[in-house]
PDB file of N, CA and C in Angstrom:
ATOM      1  N   MET A   1      17.120 -26.188 107.201  1.00  0.00           N
ATOM      2  CA  MET A   1      15.710 -26.861 107.085  1.00  0.00           C
ATOM      3  C   MET A   1      15.148 -27.756 107.602  1.00  0.00           C
ATOM      4  N   THR A   2      13.973 -27.704 108.055  1.00  0.00           N
ATOM      5  CA  THR A   2      13.060 -28.465 108.760  1.00  0.00           C
ATOM      6  C   THR A   2      12.457 -29.072 108.124  1.00  0.00           C
ATOM      7  N   PRO A   3      11.590 -31.103 107.971  1.00  0.00           N
ATOM      8  CA  PRO A   3      11.851 -31.486 107.632  1.00  0.00           C
ATOM      9  C   PRO A   3      10.143 -31.034 107.111  1.00  0.00           C
ATOM     10  N   TYR A   4       9.456 -30.205 107.602  1.00  0.00           N
ATOM     11  CA  TYR A   4       8.087 -29.567 106.334  1.00  0.00           C
ATOM     12  C   TYR A   4       8.605 -28.415 105.445  1.00  0.00           C
ATOM     13  N   GLU A   5       9.916 -27.847 105.583  1.00  0.00           N
ATOM     14  CA  GLU A   5       9.866 -26.563 104.655  1.00  0.00           C
ATOM     15  C   GLU A   5      11.037 -28.013 103.633  1.00  0.00           C
ATOM     16  N   ILE A   6      11.822 -29.465 103.903  1.00  0.00           N
ATOM     17  CA  ILE A   6      12.349 -30.146 103.052  1.00  0.00           C
ATOM     18  C   ILE A   6      11.242 -30.241 102.153  1.00  0.00           C
ATOM     19  N   GLU A   7       9.613 -30.966 103.095  1.00  0.00           N
ATOM     20  CA  GLU A   7       8.739 -31.627 102.432  1.00  0.00           C
ATOM     21  C   GLU A   7       8.139 -30.689 101.451  1.00  0.00           C
ATOM     22  N   VAL A   8       8.187 -29.406 101.304  1.00  0.00           N
ATOM     23  CA  VAL A   8       7.102 -28.384 101.081  1.00  0.00           C
ATOM     24  C   VAL A   8       8.460 -28.372  99.364  1.00  0.00           C
ATOM     25  N   MET A   9       9.748 -28.220  99.685  1.00  0.00           N
ATOM     26  CA  MET A   9      10.307 -28.068  98.414  1.00  0.00           C
ATOM     27  C   MET A   9       9.737 -29.639  97.671  1.00  0.00           C
ATOM     28  N   LEU A  10       9.898 -30.273  98.135  1.00  0.00           N
ATOM     29  CA  LEU A  10       9.779 -31.810  97.415  1.00  0.00           C
ATOM     30  C   LEU A  10       8.833 -31.887  96.394  1.00  0.00           C
ATOM     31  N   TRP A  11       7.821 -30.949  97.168  1.00  0.00           N
ATOM     32  CA  TRP A  11       6.029 -31.271  96.583  1.00  0.00           C
ATOM     33  C   TRP A  11       6.401 -30.438  95.153  1.00  0.00           C
ATOM     34  N   TYR A  12       7.083 -28.920  95.088  1.00  0.00           N
ATOM     35  CA  TYR A  12       7.094 -28.274  94.141  1.00  0.00           C
ATOM     36  C   TYR A  12       7.887 -28.805  93.008  1.00  0.00           C
ATOM     37  N   ASN A  13       9.279 -29.664  93.690  1.00  0.00           N
ATOM     38  CA  ASN A  13       9.766 -30.197  92.754  1.00  0.00           C
ATOM     39  C   ASN A  13       8.958 -31.481  91.710  1.00  0.00           C
ATOM     40  N   SER A  14       8.014 -32.080  91.927  1.00  0.00           N
ATOM     41  CA  SER A  14       7.454 -33.367  92.046  1.00  0.00           C
ATOM     42  C   SER A  14       6.200 -33.397  91.193  1.00  0.00           C
ATOM     43  N   ARG A  15       6.133 -32.006  91.541  1.00  0.00           N
ATOM     44  CA  ARG A  15       4.257 -31.814  90.929  1.00  0.00           C
ATOM     45  C   ARG A  15       4.339 -30.434  90.221  1.00  0.00           C
ATOM     46  N   CYS A  16       3.023 -30.641  89.360  1.00  0.00           N
ATOM     47  CA  CYS A  16       2.557 -29.053  88.816  1.00  0.00           C
ATOM     48  C   CYS A  16       1.644 -29.188  89.514  1.00  0.00           C
ATOM     49  N   GLU A  17       1.329 -28.488  90.526  1.00  0.00           N
ATOM     50  CA  GLU A  17      -0.009 -28.563  91.337  1.00  0.00           C
ATOM     51  C   GLU A  17       0.853 -27.713  92.519  1.00  0.00           C
ATOM     52  N   ASP A  18      -0.222 -26.542  93.138  1.00  0.00           N
ATOM     53  CA  ASP A  18       0.606 -26.119  94.874  1.00  0.00           C
ATOM     54  C   ASP A  18       0.670 -26.766  95.204  1.00  0.00           C
ATOM     55  N   HIS A  19       0.387 -26.614  96.517  1.00  0.00           N
ATOM     56  CA  HIS A  19       0.690 -27.238  97.889  1.00  0.00           C
ATOM     57  C   HIS A  19      -0.530 -27.731  98.886  1.00  0.00           C
ATOM     58  N   GLU A  20      -0.952 -28.734  98.906  1.00  0.00           N
ATOM     59  CA  GLU A  20      -2.265 -28.819  99.758  1.00  0.00           C
ATOM     60  C   GLU A  20      -2.500 -28.101 100.666  1.00  0.00           C
ATOM     61  N   HIS A  21      -1.544 -27.613 101.237  1.00  0.00           N
ATOM     62  CA  HIS A  21      -1.329 -26.567 102.390  1.00  0.00           C
ATOM     63  C   HIS A  21      -2.166 -25.071 102.107  1.00  0.00           C
ATOM     64  N   MET A  22      -1.822 -24.903 100.956  1.00  0.00           N
ATOM     65  CA  MET A  22      -1.916 -23.655 100.238  1.00  0.00           C
ATOM     66  C   MET A  22      -3.535 -23.337 100.041  1.00  0.00           C
ATOM     67  N   SER A  23      -4.556 -23.822 100.638  1.00  0.00           N
ATOM     68  CA  SER A  23      -6.287 -24.117 100.504  1.00  0.00           C
ATOM     69  C   SER A  23      -5.964 -24.127 102.234  1.00  0.00           C
ATOM     70  N   SER A  24      -5.490 -25.019 103.389  1.00  0.00           N
ATOM     71  CA  SER A  24      -5.534 -25.146 104.578  1.00  0.00           C
ATOM     72  C   SER A  24      -5.226 -24.585 105.162  1.00  0.00           C
ATOM     73  N   ASN A  25      -4.458 -23.861 104.923  1.00  0.00           N
ATOM     74  CA  ASN A  25      -3.335 -22.589 105.180  1.00  0.00           C
ATOM     75  C   ASN A  25      -2.566 -22.615 107.178  1.00  0.00           C
ATOM     76  N   PRO A  26      -2.340 -23.720 107.045  1.00  0.00           N
ATOM     77  CA  PRO A  26      -2.109 -23.724 108.605  1.00  0.00           C
ATOM     78  C   PRO A  26      -0.727 -22.996 108.604  1.00  0.00           C
ATOM     79  N   PRO A  27      -0.215 -22.058 110.524  1.00  0.00           N
ATOM     80  CA  PRO A  27      -0.163 -21.452 110.454  1.00  0.00           C
ATOM     81  C   PRO A  27       1.851 -21.054 109.982  1.00  0.00           C
ATOM     82  N   ILE A  28       1.980 -22.974 110.339  1.00  0.00           N
ATOM     83  CA  ILE A  28       3.782 -22.623 109.928  1.00  0.00           C
ATOM     84  C   ILE A  28       3.808 -22.178 107.477  1.00  0.00           C
ATOM     85  N   TRP A  29       2.374 -22.103 107.099  1.00  0.00           N
ATOM     86  CA  TRP A  29       2.405 -22.379 105.771  1.00  0.00           C
ATOM     87  C   TRP A  29       3.115 -21.130 105.409  1.00  0.00           C
ATOM     88  N   ARG A  30       2.291 -19.247 105.524  1.00  0.00           N
ATOM     89  CA  ARG A  30       2.921 -18.733 105.383  1.00  0.00           C
ATOM     90  C   ARG A  30       4.438 -17.715 105.325  1.00  0.00           C
ATOM     91  N   PRO A  31       4.529 -18.685 106.860  1.00  0.00           N
ATOM     92  CA  PRO A  31       6.330 -18.134 106.447  1.00  0.00           C
ATOM     93  C   PRO A  31       7.682 -19.179 105.570  1.00  0.00           C
ATOM     94  N   THR A  32       6.556 -20.508 105.808  1.00  0.00           N
ATOM     95  CA  THR A  32       7.360 -21.008 105.204  1.00  0.00           C
ATOM     96  C   THR A  32       7.636 -20.470 103.544  1.00  0.00           C
ATOM     97  N   ILE A  33       6.131 -20.290 102.992  1.00  0.00           N
ATOM     98  CA  ILE A  33       6.201 -20.044 101.513  1.00  0.00           C
ATOM     99  C   ILE A  33       7.678 -18.937 101.208  1.00  0.00           C
ATOM    100  N   ASP A  34       7.377 -17.536 102.757  1.00  0.00           N
ATOM    101  CA  ASP A  34       7.921 -15.855 102.517  1.00  0.00           C
ATOM    102  C   ASP A  34       9.445 -16.587 102.108  1.00  0.00           C
ATOM    103  N   LYS A  35       9.873 -17.730 103.245  1.00  0.00           N
ATOM    104  CA  LYS A  35      11.261 -17.498 103.473  1.00  0.00           C
ATOM    105  C   LYS A  35      11.923 -17.694 102.127  1.00  0.00           C
ATOM    106  N   PHE A  36      11.170 -19.341 102.046  1.00  0.00           N
ATOM    107  CA  PHE A  36      11.495 -19.569  99.724  1.00  0.00           C
ATOM    108  C   PHE A  36      11.532 -19.119  98.722  1.00  0.00           C
ATOM    109  N   LEU A  37      10.407 -17.243  98.749  1.00  0.00           N
ATOM    110  CA  LEU A  37      10.733 -16.699  98.304  1.00  0.00           C
ATOM    111  C   LEU A  37      11.775 -15.579  98.376  1.00  0.00           C
ATOM    112  N   ARG A  38      11.744 -15.164  99.783  1.00  0.00           N
ATOM    113  CA  ARG A  38      12.919 -14.796  99.456  1.00  0.00           C
ATOM    114  C   ARG A  38      14.176 -14.678  99.799  1.00  0.00           C
ATOM    115  N   ASP A  39      14.839 -16.401  99.273  1.00  0.00           N
ATOM    116  CA  ASP A  39      15.609 -16.984  99.501  1.00  0.00           C
ATOM    117  C   ASP A  39      15.420 -16.814  97.645  1.00  0.00           C
ATOM    118  N   GLY A  40      14.731 -16.934  97.287  1.00  0.00           N
ATOM    119  CA  GLY A  40      14.792 -17.973  95.533  1.00  0.00           C
ATOM    120  C   GLY A  40      15.010 -18.899  95.294  1.00  0.00           C
ATOM    121  N   LEU A  41      14.609 -19.944  96.351  1.00  0.00           N
ATOM    122  CA  LEU A  41      14.347 -21.409  95.887  1.00  0.00           C
ATOM    123  C   LEU A  41      12.544 -21.346  94.721  1.00  0.00           C
ATOM    124  N   LEU A  42      11.239 -20.845  94.999  1.00  0.00           N
ATOM    125  CA  LEU A  42      10.530 -20.798  94.735  1.00  0.00           C
ATOM    126  C   LEU A  42       9.932 -19.356  94.472  1.00  0.00           C
ATOM    127  N   GLN A  43       8.968 -19.385  93.795  1.00  0.00           N
ATOM    128  CA  GLN A  43       8.514 -18.505  93.083  1.00  0.00           C
ATOM    129  C   GLN A  43       7.094 -17.638  92.455  1.00  0.00           C
ATOM    130  N   THR A  44       6.944 -16.699  92.048  1.00  0.00           N
ATOM    131  CA  THR A  44       5.276 -16.806  91.818  1.00  0.00           C
ATOM    132  C   THR A  44       5.132 -16.692  90.440  1.00  0.00           C
ATOM    133  N   CYS A  45       4.256 -17.620  89.936  1.00  0.00           N
ATOM    134  CA  CYS A  45       4.352 -18.235  88.546  1.00  0.00           C
ATOM    135  C   CYS A  45       2.924 -16.664  88.083  1.00  0.00           C
ATOM    136  N   ASN A  46       3.161 -16.781  86.904  1.00  0.00           N
ATOM    137  CA  ASN A  46       1.937 -15.937  86.295  1.00  0.00           C
ATOM    138  C   ASN A  46       0.383 -16.302  85.988  1.00  0.00           C
ATOM    139  N   ALA A  47      -0.881 -16.030  87.037  1.00  0.00           N
ATOM    140  CA  ALA A  47      -2.408 -17.032  86.428  1.00  0.00           C
ATOM    141  C   ALA A  47      -2.822 -17.409  85.498  1.00  0.00           C
ATOM    142  N   SER A  48      -1.925 -15.696  84.208  1.00  0.00           N
ATOM    143  CA  SER A  48      -3.224 -16.575  83.410  1.00  0.00           C
ATOM    144  C   SER A  48      -1.834 -17.310  82.320  1.00  0.00           C
ATOM    145  N   VAL A  49      -1.185 -17.440  82.580  1.00  0.00           N
ATOM    146  CA  VAL A  49      -0.013 -18.469  82.514  1.00  0.00           C
ATOM    147  C   VAL A  49      -0.727 -20.241  82.548  1.00  0.00           C
ATOM    148  N   THR A  50      -0.735 -20.320  84.233  1.00  0.00           N
ATOM    149  CA  THR A  50      -0.562 -21.772  85.011  1.00  0.00           C
ATOM    150  C   THR A  50      -1.701 -21.245  85.672  1.00  0.00           C
ATOM    151  N   ASP A  51      -2.077 -22.268  86.295  1.00  0.00           N
ATOM    152  CA  ASP A  51      -2.983 -22.648  87.440  1.00  0.00           C
ATOM    153  C   ASP A  51      -2.380 -22.634  89.350  1.00  0.00           C
ATOM    154  N   THR A  52      -0.950 -22.805  89.159  1.00  0.00           N
ATOM    155  CA  THR A  52      -0.196 -22.968  89.946  1.00  0.00           C
ATOM    156  C   THR A  52      -0.181 -21.386  90.884  1.00  0.00           C
ATOM    157  N   CYS A  53       0.812 -21.482  91.488  1.00  0.00           N
ATOM    158  CA  CYS A  53       0.657 -20.179  92.327  1.00  0.00           C
ATOM    159  C   CYS A  53       2.107 -20.151  92.370  1.00  0.00           C
ATOM    160  N   TYR A  54       3.142 -20.375  93.096  1.00  0.00           N
ATOM    161  CA  TYR A  54       4.387 -21.382  93.424  1.00  0.00           C
ATOM    162  C   TYR A  54       4.743 -22.063  91.863  1.00  0.00           C
ATOM    163  N   ALA A  55       6.016 -22.114  91.496  1.00  0.00           N
ATOM    164  CA  ALA A  55       6.977 -22.593  91.434  1.00  0.00           C
ATOM    165  C   ALA A  55       8.234 -22.746  91.774  1.00  0.00           C
ATOM    166  N   ILE A  56       8.950 -24.006  91.670  1.00  0.00           N
ATOM    167  CA  ILE A  56      10.422 -24.265  91.657  1.00  0.00           C
ATOM    168  C   ILE A  56      11.633 -23.053  91.004  1.00  0.00           C
ATOM    169  N   THR A  57      12.452 -22.374  91.207  1.00  0.00           N
ATOM    170  CA  THR A  57      13.530 -22.017  90.640  1.00  0.00           C
ATOM    171  C   THR A  57      14.277 -22.951  90.131  1.00  0.00           C
ATOM    172  N   ASP A  58      15.418 -22.773  89.843  1.00  0.00           N
ATOM    173  CA  ASP A  58      16.771 -22.831  89.267  1.00  0.00           C
ATOM    174  C   ASP A  58      17.828 -23.167  90.148  1.00  0.00           C
ATOM    175  N   LYS A  59      17.458 -22.334  91.052  1.00  0.00           N
ATOM    176  CA  LYS A  59      18.379 -22.782  92.675  1.00  0.00           C
ATOM    177  C   LYS A  59      17.558 -23.662  93.592  1.00  0.00           C
ATOM    178  N   GLY A  60      16.629 -23.220  93.547  1.00  0.00           N
ATOM    179  CA  GLY A  60      15.279 -24.932  93.515  1.00  0.00           C
ATOM    180  C   GLY A  60      15.927 -25.991  93.327  1.00  0.00           C
ATOM    181  N   LEU A  61      15.757 -25.831  92.587  1.00  0.00           N
ATOM    182  CA  LEU A  61      15.876 -27.515  91.820  1.00  0.00           C
ATOM    183  C   LEU A  61      17.774 -27.866  92.001  1.00  0.00           C
ATOM    184  N   ALA A  62      19.206 -26.861  92.045  1.00  0.00           N
ATOM    185  CA  ALA A  62      20.205 -26.773  92.237  1.00  0.00           C
ATOM    186  C   ALA A  62      19.917 -27.487  94.293  1.00  0.00           C
ATOM    187  N   TYR A  63      19.389 -26.713  94.839  1.00  0.00           N
ATOM    188  CA  TYR A  63      18.906 -27.200  95.949  1.00  0.00           C
ATOM    189  C   TYR A  63      18.362 -28.773  96.201  1.00  0.00           C
ATOM    190  N   ILE A  64      17.214 -29.148  95.751  1.00  0.00           N
ATOM    191  CA  ILE A  64      16.745 -30.557  95.462  1.00  0.00           C
ATOM    192  C   ILE A  64      17.887 -31.461  94.861  1.00  0.00           C
ATOM    193  N   ASP A  65      18.613 -31.316  94.419  1.00  0.00           N
ATOM    194  CA  ASP A  65      20.153 -32.225  94.128  1.00  0.00           C
ATOM    195  C   ASP A  65      21.063 -32.361  94.710  1.00  0.00           C
ATOM    196  N   HIS A  66      21.608 -30.908  95.328  1.00  0.00           N
ATOM    197  CA  HIS A  66      22.098 -31.562  97.017  1.00  0.00           C
ATOM    198  C   HIS A  66      21.320 -31.921  98.340  1.00  0.00           C
ATOM    199  N   LEU A  67      20.270 -32.188  98.139  1.00  0.00           N
ATOM    200  CA  LEU A  67      19.248 -32.987  99.112  1.00  0.00           C
ATOM    201  C   LEU A  67      19.538 -35.145  99.116  1.00  0.00           C
ATOM    202  N   CYS A  68      19.251 -34.605  97.406  1.00  0.00           N
ATOM    203  CA  CYS A  68      19.546 -36.009  96.955  1.00  0.00           C
ATOM    204  C   CYS A  68      20.937 -36.467  96.501  1.00  0.00           C
ATOM    205  N   ALA A  69      21.860 -36.150  96.813  1.00  0.00           N
ATOM    206  CA  ALA A  69      22.808 -36.637  97.083  1.00  0.00           C
ATOM    207  C   ALA A  69      23.767 -37.256  98.145  1.00  0.00           C
ATOM    208  N   VAL A  70      22.587 -36.767  99.806  1.00  0.00           N
ATOM    209  CA  VAL A  70      23.489 -36.393 101.084  1.00  0.00           C
ATOM    210  C   VAL A  70      23.645 -37.814 101.259  1.00  0.00           C
ATOM    211  N   GLN A  71      24.592 -38.465 101.051  1.00  0.00           N
ATOM    212  CA  GLN A  71      24.592 -40.488 101.495  1.00  0.00           C
ATOM    213  C   GLN A  71      23.755 -40.217 102.880  1.00  0.00           C
ATOM    214  N   VAL A  72      23.320 -41.736 102.590  1.00  0.00           N
ATOM    215  CA  VAL A  72      22.712 -42.471 105.099  1.00  0.00           C
ATOM    216  C   VAL A  72      24.308 -42.623 104.986  1.00  0.00           C
ATOM    217  N   PRO A  73      23.708 -42.132 106.314  1.00  0.00           N
ATOM    218  CA  PRO A  73      24.837 -42.607 107.219  1.00  0.00           C
ATOM    219  C   PRO A  73      24.944 -43.376 107.553  1.00  0.00           C
ATOM    220  N   ILE A  74      27.162 -44.504 107.566  1.00  0.00           N
ATOM    221  CA  ILE A  74      26.785 -45.742 107.939  1.00  0.00           C
ATOM    222  C   ILE A  74      27.568 -45.622 109.435  1.00  0.00           C
ATOM    223  N   CYS A  75      27.801 -46.556 110.194  1.00  0.00           N
ATOM    224  CA  CYS A  75      28.940 -46.193 111.446  1.00  0.00           C
ATOM    225  C   CYS A  75      29.900 -47.085 111.091  1.00  0.00           C
ATOM    226  N   LYS A  76      30.952 -46.504 111.835  1.00  0.00           N
ATOM    227  CA  LYS A  76      32.151 -46.749 111.877  1.00  0.00           C
ATOM    228  C   LYS A  76      33.436 -46.830 113.384  1.00  0.00           C
ATOM    229  N   TRP A  77      34.088 -47.287 112.787  1.00  0.00           N
ATOM    230  CA  TRP A  77      34.247 -48.363 114.546  1.00  0.00           C
ATOM    231  C   TRP A  77      35.981 -47.041 114.179  1.00  0.00           C
ATOM    232  N   VAL A  78      36.720 -46.574 114.599  1.00  0.00           N
ATOM    233  CA  VAL A  78      37.480 -46.176 115.266  1.00  0.00           C
ATOM    234  C   VAL A  78      38.151 -45.737 116.793  1.00  0.00           C
ATOM    235  N   GLN A  79      39.373 -45.439 116.348  1.00  0.00           N
ATOM    236  CA  GLN A  79      40.349 -45.528 117.684  1.00  0.00           C
ATOM    237  C   GLN A  79      39.602 -44.587 118.691  1.00  0.00           C
ATOM    238  N   PRO A  80      39.253 -44.474 119.821  1.00  0.00           N
ATOM    239  CA  PRO A  80      39.431 -43.666 120.532  1.00  0.00           C
ATOM    240  C   PRO A  80      40.441 -42.419 120.987  1.00  0.00           C
TER     241      PRO A  80
END
C-alpha cells in the first residue's frame, strides 16, 4: 500500500466526513477509491442516512489495527 493509500485509510478511520480530495479529485483519487471498494476496505454509504459517500468497513478497521501494530524498526548488531 502506498503512503497516499495509507493516508486515505487513516482519514476514513478517524473522521466522519469524506476525504478532502473527493472535491478536488486529483488523478490518484478515483483509482484509490475503486481499489478500496473492490478490496472491501471501504463501502459506499446510503445518502439518505449519512452525509458521507464512503465509510470504512470492518475489514478496513482490521487493516488499520495491523498498521498500528507494526513495530518501529530498530538497529541490531549481528555477526556477518
